[in-house]
């Protein structure tokens, strides 16, 4: 393979951008300011951030109350080692998230991948501490749980994980019976998946991990709540643990504060990140039941959960998360009512001849573009992104899957503009 001269024009000589092939991609746009749903670029353009900057900017860019909370905390306590210390912001955040989730214990980390890694390690070691060997983990086809090694192992085998296949531990997999508006309820597919799950659970299983209601990175693949409830019943019957990866779905994204609440699930472990701090600072948390926590309390030092990060429970991140929760609790109608805003606009768009499999849940709306070769590498996504940028709207399709996942502050006029830009772009394909 001939290697191009790098960097091409427009690329910084010292930066390495994520999930980006420099030889094929357009140079990055230079953002200089964010306000609400708008990104201001160095060249003067203003873009609607229709995907919340990779699903993290929950309330909008530079939300004043979160910025003020971070600034105030920075003058009080900016960082302290969390192995020998605690601090009020971490304690208040743990208390609030415990009350909201029904899970009593909270372990801090740095991002979504690490929150998942922590959940996997807790589940695995909990059984070890009990003296019970359960070697199997079960995940769902199409899942994405992050880019660290453990998170990749329980995610779908894909081009993201292919180079690292020798490092990934084996996981039992069950199909994900997704549905959309146009398709009949996938009852047969659900029954087949449940039968496969029952079979997998005949082996000693430590935990089952899932993304409740929506698999995000695999293309906004949605399932029915009843299917997830049936999964939970079988997991409980087998005595295994249930891990909910709410890194993307948490904090109102599905129309409920947590997707588990809307789906009728009560997991043993829950991973949260992305919208946790309102998009201001990187932080992850793993919530666990008191039963699991007690399984690590022992006079035997080897029962300790030996995991930690330098910035565990960073006070600035905790302050941001508390301010974000204040906003969510003050105006829950902003996330509860977003689906009703999406539906009429998506209903109109579904009439376009290139649109198929429209689907919507909470703040998330998605559809597939009809192409001969669907998938993550489909060129149609880059083409649609370019056309929408010309209309002042930033989207980042997942191959031939186009989705909107905007900040909660998005106005009705801005939402209509997003749909209009997508429709006009589809007309130009």
Protein backbone atom coordinates (compact mmCIF):
# COMPACT_ATOMS: atom_id res chain seq x y z
CA UNK A 1 0.00 0.00 0.00
CA UNK A 2 1.39 3.39 -1.02
CA UNK A 3 1.54 5.77 1.91
CA UNK A 4 0.50 9.36 1.12
CA UNK A 5 2.61 12.29 2.22
CA UNK A 6 1.24 13.49 5.54
CA UNK A 7 -0.12 15.73 6.76
CA UNK A 8 -2.22 16.94 3.81
CA UNK A 9 -3.12 20.63 3.65
CA UNK A 10 -5.47 21.73 6.39
CA UNK A 11 -4.30 19.21 8.97
CA UNK A 12 -2.31 20.20 12.05
CA UNK A 13 1.18 18.67 12.00
CA UNK A 14 1.01 17.45 15.62
CA UNK A 15 -2.60 16.28 16.13
CA UNK A 16 -4.07 12.79 15.67
CA UNK A 17 -7.87 12.88 15.31
CA UNK A 18 -10.07 9.97 16.45
CA UNK A 19 -11.69 7.51 14.02
CA UNK A 20 -10.41 9.60 11.10
CA UNK A 21 -8.56 8.47 7.99
CA UNK A 22 -6.55 11.56 7.12
CA UNK A 23 -5.87 10.31 3.59
CA UNK A 24 -9.61 10.26 2.83
CA UNK A 25 -11.32 12.76 5.11
CA UNK A 26 -11.84 16.48 4.71
CA UNK A 27 -9.63 18.61 6.99
CA UNK A 28 -11.19 19.35 10.38
CA UNK A 29 -13.21 22.49 10.89
CA UNK A 30 -11.79 24.86 13.52
CA UNK A 31 -14.31 25.71 16.22
CA UNK A 32 -13.70 28.85 18.26
CA UNK A 33 -16.89 29.20 20.29
CA UNK A 34 -20.04 27.35 21.28
CA UNK A 35 -23.32 28.81 22.49
CA UNK A 36 -26.43 26.73 23.01
CA UNK A 37 -26.92 24.52 19.96
CA UNK A 38 -24.57 26.61 17.80
CA UNK A 39 -20.89 26.06 17.01
CA UNK A 40 -19.01 29.12 15.76
CA UNK A 41 -16.17 28.34 13.34
CA UNK A 42 -13.00 30.30 12.77
CA UNK A 43 -14.06 31.05 9.18
CA UNK A 44 -17.26 32.72 10.40
CA UNK A 45 -19.68 29.89 9.75
CA UNK A 46 -22.29 28.99 12.37
CA UNK A 47 -23.40 25.37 12.58
CA UNK A 48 -26.25 23.71 14.43
CA UNK A 49 -24.67 20.91 16.45
CA UNK A 50 -27.34 18.30 15.68
CA UNK A 51 -25.50 15.43 17.41
CA UNK A 52 -24.46 17.16 20.64
CA UNK A 53 -20.77 16.83 19.75
CA UNK A 54 -20.72 13.02 19.94
CA UNK A 55 -23.76 12.89 22.25
CA UNK A 56 -22.20 14.68 25.22
CA UNK A 57 -23.41 18.29 25.08
CA UNK A 58 -26.66 17.71 26.92
CA UNK A 59 -27.95 21.21 27.63
CA UNK A 60 -26.04 23.10 24.95
CA UNK A 61 -22.58 24.58 24.62
CA UNK A 62 -21.26 26.90 27.35
CA UNK A 63 -24.38 26.47 29.51
CA UNK A 64 -23.95 29.31 32.02
CA UNK A 65 -24.98 27.50 35.20
CA UNK A 66 -22.57 24.61 34.59
CA UNK A 67 -19.73 26.96 33.67
CA UNK A 68 -20.36 28.93 36.86
CA UNK A 69 -20.39 25.76 38.99
CA UNK A 70 -17.04 24.65 37.56
CA UNK A 71 -15.51 28.10 38.09
CA UNK A 72 -16.69 28.25 41.70
CA UNK A 73 -15.36 24.76 42.43
CA UNK A 74 -12.02 25.58 40.77
CA UNK A 75 -11.46 28.28 43.40
CA UNK A 76 -12.31 25.86 46.21
CA UNK A 77 -10.80 22.42 45.41
CA UNK A 78 -9.75 21.46 41.90
CA UNK A 79 -8.36 17.94 42.52
CA UNK A 80 -7.51 15.54 45.32
CA UNK A 81 -6.47 11.90 45.36
CA UNK A 82 -9.60 9.83 45.98
CA UNK A 83 -7.88 6.80 47.54
CA UNK A 84 -7.32 8.47 50.93
CA UNK A 85 -9.69 11.43 50.63
CA UNK A 86 -13.31 12.22 49.92
CA UNK A 87 -14.94 15.58 49.22
CA UNK A 88 -18.44 17.13 49.30
CA UNK A 89 -19.11 17.32 45.53
CA UNK A 90 -18.40 13.59 45.08
CA UNK A 91 -20.56 12.70 48.07
CA UNK A 92 -23.48 14.84 46.90
CA UNK A 93 -23.27 13.41 43.38
CA UNK A 94 -23.16 9.83 44.68
CA UNK A 95 -26.20 10.48 46.88
CA UNK A 96 -28.23 11.98 44.04
CA UNK A 97 -27.36 9.38 41.42
CA UNK A 98 -28.01 6.58 43.89
CA UNK A 99 -31.46 7.96 44.66
CA UNK A 100 -32.26 8.37 40.96
CA UNK A 101 -30.96 4.98 39.81
CA UNK A 102 -31.85 2.69 42.71
CA UNK A 103 -28.22 1.54 42.92
CA UNK A 104 -26.51 2.33 46.19
CA UNK A 105 -22.81 2.54 45.35
CA UNK A 106 -20.91 4.69 42.86
CA UNK A 107 -17.40 4.18 41.47
CA UNK A 108 -15.83 7.05 39.52
CA UNK A 109 -13.71 6.80 36.37
CA UNK A 110 -12.94 8.99 33.36
CA UNK A 111 -15.22 8.14 30.41
CA UNK A 112 -17.73 5.68 29.01
CA UNK A 113 -15.24 2.97 28.12
CA UNK A 114 -13.72 2.99 31.59
CA UNK A 115 -17.17 2.99 33.20
CA UNK A 116 -17.89 -0.22 31.28
CA UNK A 117 -14.49 -1.70 32.14
CA UNK A 118 -15.18 -1.05 35.82
CA UNK A 119 -18.57 -2.75 35.58
CA UNK A 120 -17.06 -5.82 33.90
CA UNK A 121 -14.27 -6.06 36.48
CA UNK A 122 -16.66 -5.66 39.41
CA UNK A 123 -18.91 -8.38 38.03
CA UNK A 124 -16.02 -10.74 37.39
CA UNK A 125 -14.27 -10.21 40.71
CA UNK A 126 -17.49 -10.34 42.73
CA UNK A 127 -17.95 -13.96 41.76
CA UNK A 128 -14.27 -14.68 42.45
CA UNK A 129 -14.56 -13.14 45.91
CA UNK A 130 -17.49 -15.46 46.59
CA UNK A 131 -15.39 -18.46 45.63
CA UNK A 132 -17.64 -19.21 42.68
CA UNK A 133 -16.19 -19.61 39.21
CA UNK A 134 -18.30 -18.02 36.49
CA UNK A 135 -16.18 -17.50 33.41
CA UNK A 136 -18.74 -16.47 30.79
CA UNK A 137 -19.92 -13.01 29.77
CA UNK A 138 -22.87 -12.57 27.41
CA UNK A 139 -23.32 -9.57 25.10
CA UNK A 140 -25.50 -8.67 22.13
CA UNK A 141 -24.66 -8.64 18.46
CA UNK A 142 -24.11 -5.13 17.15
CA UNK A 143 -23.20 -3.77 20.58
CA UNK A 144 -20.69 -0.99 21.12
CA UNK A 145 -19.33 -0.46 24.62
CA UNK A 146 -16.14 1.52 23.99
CA UNK A 147 -12.64 1.33 22.55
CA UNK A 148 -10.59 0.02 25.48
CA UNK A 149 -9.72 -3.67 25.34
CA UNK A 150 -12.36 -5.03 27.72
CA UNK A 151 -15.07 -2.81 26.26
CA UNK A 152 -14.11 -3.91 22.74
CA UNK A 153 -14.30 -7.56 23.81
CA UNK A 154 -17.96 -7.28 24.82
CA UNK A 155 -18.73 -5.12 21.78
CA UNK A 156 -19.45 -6.41 18.30
CA UNK A 157 -16.49 -7.65 16.34
CA UNK A 158 -16.04 -4.96 13.71
CA UNK A 159 -13.49 -2.91 11.81
CA UNK A 160 -12.97 -1.01 15.09
CA UNK A 161 -11.76 -4.12 16.90
CA UNK A 162 -10.36 -6.24 14.06
CA UNK A 163 -6.65 -5.31 14.51
CA UNK A 164 -6.85 -6.28 18.18
CA UNK A 165 -8.72 -9.57 17.84
CA UNK A 166 -5.94 -11.65 19.47
CA UNK A 167 -6.23 -9.55 22.63
CA UNK A 168 -10.01 -9.86 23.08
CA UNK A 169 -11.51 -12.43 25.43
CA UNK A 170 -14.29 -14.70 24.23
CA UNK A 171 -17.90 -13.62 24.79
CA UNK A 172 -21.18 -15.43 24.10
CA UNK A 173 -23.41 -13.38 21.80
CA UNK A 174 -27.15 -13.07 21.32
CA UNK A 175 -28.94 -11.36 18.44
CA UNK A 176 -30.51 -7.90 18.89
CA UNK A 177 -34.07 -7.94 17.42
CA UNK A 178 -34.30 -4.31 16.37
CA UNK A 179 -37.45 -2.66 15.06
CA UNK A 180 -38.59 0.49 13.28
CA UNK A 181 -41.85 2.22 12.41
CA UNK A 182 -42.30 0.42 9.11
CA UNK A 183 -41.72 -3.13 10.29
CA UNK A 184 -44.07 -5.46 12.17
CA UNK A 185 -43.12 -6.29 15.73
CA UNK A 186 -40.15 -8.67 15.53
CA UNK A 187 -41.74 -11.31 17.76
CA UNK A 188 -40.12 -14.29 16.05
CA UNK A 189 -36.70 -12.65 16.19
CA UNK A 190 -37.24 -11.81 19.86
CA UNK A 191 -38.18 -15.39 20.68
CA UNK A 192 -35.13 -16.69 18.81
CA UNK A 193 -32.88 -14.29 20.71
CA UNK A 194 -34.40 -15.29 24.04
CA UNK A 195 -33.96 -18.97 23.22
CA UNK A 196 -30.31 -18.34 22.39
CA UNK A 197 -29.91 -16.42 25.64
CA UNK A 198 -31.42 -19.27 27.64
CA UNK A 199 -29.01 -21.69 25.99
CA UNK A 200 -26.01 -19.45 26.70
CA UNK A 201 -27.08 -19.07 30.32
CA UNK A 202 -26.82 -22.82 30.87
CA UNK A 203 -23.09 -22.20 31.28
CA UNK A 204 -21.88 -20.47 34.47
CA UNK A 205 -22.30 -16.80 33.55
CA UNK A 206 -20.89 -13.83 35.43
CA UNK A 207 -22.93 -11.13 33.70
CA UNK A 208 -24.99 -10.07 30.71
CA UNK A 209 -24.26 -6.59 29.34
CA UNK A 210 -26.60 -4.55 27.14
CA UNK A 211 -27.37 -1.05 25.93
CA UNK A 212 -30.96 -0.51 27.10
CA UNK A 213 -33.44 0.31 24.31
CA UNK A 214 -30.90 1.69 21.80
CA UNK A 215 -27.61 0.40 20.48
CA UNK A 216 -26.04 3.73 19.58
CA UNK A 217 -22.89 3.32 17.50
CA UNK A 218 -24.22 0.30 15.62
CA UNK A 219 -26.79 2.54 13.94
CA UNK A 220 -29.35 3.60 16.56
CA UNK A 221 -30.77 0.07 16.65
CA UNK A 222 -33.86 0.09 18.87
CA UNK A 223 -35.61 -2.81 20.61
CA UNK A 224 -38.92 -3.10 22.43
CA UNK A 225 -39.02 -2.76 26.23
CA UNK A 226 -40.81 -6.09 26.55
CA UNK A 227 -37.87 -7.89 25.00
CA UNK A 228 -35.47 -6.38 27.53
CA UNK A 229 -37.79 -7.31 30.39
CA UNK A 230 -37.75 -10.90 29.13
CA UNK A 231 -33.95 -10.75 29.00
CA UNK A 232 -33.85 -9.55 32.60
CA UNK A 233 -36.16 -12.37 33.73
CA UNK A 234 -33.86 -14.98 32.23
CA UNK A 235 -30.73 -13.37 33.63
CA UNK A 236 -32.26 -13.32 37.10
CA UNK A 237 -33.39 -16.95 36.81
CA UNK A 238 -29.83 -17.97 35.95
CA UNK A 239 -28.39 -16.03 38.88
CA UNK A 240 -26.20 -13.89 36.61
CA UNK A 241 -25.66 -10.14 36.94
CA UNK A 242 -27.17 -7.57 34.57
CA UNK A 243 -25.01 -4.66 33.38
CA UNK A 244 -26.71 -1.69 31.71
CA UNK A 245 -24.47 0.47 29.55
CA UNK A 246 -26.26 3.84 29.72
CA UNK A 247 -23.26 5.83 28.54
CA UNK A 248 -25.29 7.20 25.62
CA UNK A 249 -28.86 6.65 26.81
CA UNK A 250 -28.53 8.15 30.28
CA UNK A 251 -29.74 11.58 31.40
CA UNK A 252 -32.94 11.89 29.41
CA UNK A 253 -31.82 10.72 26.00
CA UNK A 254 -34.64 8.15 25.67
CA UNK A 255 -37.33 10.40 27.11
CA UNK A 256 -36.80 9.08 30.65
CA UNK A 257 -33.96 10.04 32.94
CA UNK A 258 -32.51 6.57 32.39
CA UNK A 259 -33.39 4.12 29.63
CA UNK A 260 -33.63 1.38 32.25
CA UNK A 261 -36.51 3.25 33.84
CA UNK A 262 -38.38 3.45 30.53
CA UNK A 263 -37.61 -0.20 29.75
CA UNK A 264 -38.64 -1.48 33.18
CA UNK A 265 -35.17 -2.76 34.10
CA UNK A 266 -33.31 -2.76 37.40
CA UNK A 267 -29.71 -3.72 36.62
CA UNK A 268 -27.04 -4.74 39.09
CA UNK A 269 -24.53 -2.38 37.48
CA UNK A 270 -24.97 0.74 35.37
CA UNK A 271 -22.33 2.63 33.38
CA UNK A 272 -22.82 6.37 32.82
CA UNK A 273 -20.79 9.07 31.08
CA UNK A 274 -21.34 11.39 28.05
CA UNK A 275 -24.12 13.67 29.35
CA UNK A 276 -23.07 13.19 32.97
CA UNK A 277 -21.29 16.56 33.22
CA UNK A 278 -23.49 18.22 30.61
CA UNK A 279 -20.66 17.75 28.12
CA UNK A 280 -18.23 20.04 29.93
CA UNK A 281 -15.69 17.60 31.38
CA UNK A 282 -14.75 13.94 30.90
CA UNK A 283 -16.12 11.74 33.65
CA UNK A 284 -17.57 8.26 33.98
CA UNK A 285 -19.35 6.52 36.82
CA UNK A 286 -20.31 2.93 37.48
CA UNK A 287 -23.26 2.42 39.80
CA UNK A 288 -23.51 -0.88 41.67
CA UNK A 289 -25.92 -2.49 44.10
CA UNK A 290 -25.11 -2.66 47.79
CA UNK A 291 -25.01 -6.45 47.48
CA UNK A 292 -22.09 -6.20 45.05
CA UNK A 293 -20.28 -3.63 47.16
CA UNK A 294 -20.50 -5.83 50.24
CA UNK A 295 -18.87 -8.63 48.27
CA UNK A 296 -15.61 -6.66 48.33
CA UNK A 297 -15.58 -5.97 52.10
CA UNK A 298 -13.20 -8.44 53.70
CA UNK A 299 -10.22 -8.72 56.02
CA UNK A 300 -8.56 -10.51 53.12
CA UNK A 301 -6.73 -7.75 51.19
CA UNK A 302 -6.92 -9.73 47.95
CA UNK A 303 -10.69 -9.11 47.91
CA UNK A 304 -10.04 -5.40 47.33
CA UNK A 305 -11.18 -3.87 44.05
CA UNK A 306 -7.77 -2.76 42.80
CA UNK A 307 -8.85 -0.23 40.21
CA UNK A 308 -8.39 3.53 40.13
CA UNK A 309 -7.66 6.54 37.95
CA UNK A 310 -5.57 9.61 38.67
CA UNK A 311 -8.57 11.91 38.25
CA UNK A 312 -11.10 9.65 40.01
CA UNK A 313 -13.99 11.78 41.34
CA UNK A 314 -12.41 15.01 40.10
CA UNK A 315 -14.19 17.82 42.01
CA UNK A 316 -14.63 19.97 38.89
CA UNK A 317 -16.37 17.13 37.08
CA UNK A 318 -18.55 16.44 40.11
CA UNK A 319 -19.55 20.11 40.29
CA UNK A 320 -20.46 20.07 36.60
CA UNK A 321 -22.51 16.88 37.03
CA UNK A 322 -24.41 18.33 39.98
CA UNK A 323 -25.25 21.47 38.00
CA UNK A 324 -26.37 19.34 35.06
CA UNK A 325 -28.67 17.31 37.32
CA UNK A 326 -30.12 20.56 38.64
CA UNK A 327 -31.07 21.54 35.09
CA UNK A 328 -32.61 18.15 34.34
CA UNK A 329 -34.65 18.16 37.53
CA UNK A 330 -35.78 21.77 37.05
CA UNK A 331 -37.16 21.15 33.55
CA UNK A 332 -37.82 17.43 32.91
CA UNK A 333 -40.26 18.33 30.15
CA UNK A 334 -37.29 19.25 27.95
CA UNK A 335 -36.31 15.61 27.57
CA UNK A 336 -39.71 14.03 28.18
CA UNK A 337 -41.28 16.03 25.37
CA UNK A 338 -38.55 15.81 22.74
CA UNK A 339 -39.91 12.69 21.06
CA UNK A 340 -43.16 14.50 20.32
CA UNK A 341 -41.12 17.21 18.58
CA UNK A 342 -39.24 14.69 16.43
CA UNK A 343 -42.17 12.57 15.32
CA UNK A 344 -44.08 14.87 12.93
CA UNK A 345 -40.86 15.99 11.24
CA UNK A 346 -39.59 12.43 10.86
CA UNK A 347 -43.04 11.36 9.67
CA UNK A 348 -42.80 13.89 6.85
CA UNK A 349 -39.24 12.87 6.01
CA UNK A 350 -40.13 9.17 5.81
CA UNK A 351 -41.99 9.85 2.55
CA UNK A 352 -38.69 10.54 0.81
CA UNK A 353 -37.83 7.70 -1.60
CA UNK A 354 -34.32 7.30 -0.13
CA UNK A 355 -35.55 6.93 3.47
CA UNK A 356 -36.28 3.57 5.07
CA UNK A 357 -36.61 2.16 8.58
CA UNK A 358 -37.44 5.45 10.37
CA UNK A 359 -37.31 5.22 14.15
CA UNK A 360 -37.51 7.57 17.08
CA UNK A 361 -37.12 7.35 20.85
CA UNK A 362 -36.80 10.33 23.16
CA UNK A 363 -34.25 12.78 21.81
CA UNK A 364 -33.00 10.27 19.20
CA UNK A 365 -34.39 10.13 15.66
CA UNK A 366 -32.85 7.98 12.93
CA UNK A 367 -33.41 6.37 9.56
CA UNK A 368 -31.50 4.33 6.99
CA UNK A 369 -30.62 5.71 3.58
CA UNK A 370 -31.38 3.23 0.79
CA UNK A 371 -28.05 2.26 -0.77
CA UNK A 372 -26.69 -0.77 -2.57
CA UNK A 373 -23.99 -1.40 0.02
CA UNK A 374 -25.14 -0.37 3.51
CA UNK A 375 -22.80 -0.27 6.48
CA UNK A 376 -20.43 1.94 8.42
CA UNK A 377 -18.10 2.49 5.44
CA UNK A 378 -20.88 3.58 3.09
CA UNK A 379 -19.82 6.77 1.31
CA UNK A 380 -23.34 8.17 1.44
CA UNK A 381 -22.80 9.30 5.03
CA UNK A 382 -19.85 11.52 4.15
CA UNK A 383 -21.78 12.95 1.19
CA UNK A 384 -24.79 13.80 3.34
CA UNK A 385 -22.58 15.33 6.00
CA UNK A 386 -20.95 17.60 3.42
CA UNK A 387 -24.30 18.71 1.99
CA UNK A 388 -25.76 19.43 5.42
CA UNK A 389 -22.70 21.48 6.37
CA UNK A 390 -23.42 23.71 3.39
CA UNK A 391 -26.84 24.29 4.95
CA UNK A 392 -25.34 25.11 8.36
CA UNK A 393 -26.16 21.81 10.07
CA UNK A 394 -23.57 19.41 11.50
CA UNK A 395 -24.45 15.72 11.41
CA UNK A 396 -22.18 12.67 11.50
CA UNK A 397 -23.99 9.69 9.93
CA UNK A 398 -23.09 6.16 10.94
CA UNK A 399 -22.46 4.97 7.40
CA UNK A 400 -25.87 4.97 5.73
CA UNK A 401 -27.67 5.61 9.03
CA UNK A 402 -28.59 9.26 9.54
CA UNK A 403 -29.57 10.34 13.03
CA UNK A 404 -30.28 13.41 15.09
CA UNK A 405 -29.36 13.55 18.77
CA UNK A 406 -29.39 17.27 19.56
CA UNK A 407 -28.90 19.18 22.81
CA UNK A 408 -32.03 19.74 24.86
CA UNK A 409 -31.85 23.51 24.27
CA UNK A 410 -32.47 23.13 20.52
CA UNK A 411 -35.29 25.44 19.45
CA UNK A 412 -38.21 24.36 17.29
CA UNK A 413 -36.92 26.48 14.42
CA UNK A 414 -33.48 24.90 14.70
CA UNK A 415 -34.95 21.39 14.74
CA UNK A 416 -37.02 22.13 11.64
CA UNK A 417 -33.90 23.48 9.97
CA UNK A 418 -32.08 20.21 10.69
CA UNK A 419 -34.79 18.16 9.02
CA UNK A 420 -35.00 20.57 6.09
CA UNK A 421 -31.23 20.35 5.55
CA UNK A 422 -31.34 16.55 5.59
CA UNK A 423 -34.26 16.43 3.18
CA UNK A 424 -32.53 18.82 0.78
CA UNK A 425 -29.34 16.76 1.01
CA UNK A 426 -31.25 13.57 0.21
CA UNK A 427 -32.68 15.29 -2.87
CA UNK A 428 -29.13 15.87 -4.13
CA UNK A 429 -27.96 12.26 -3.87
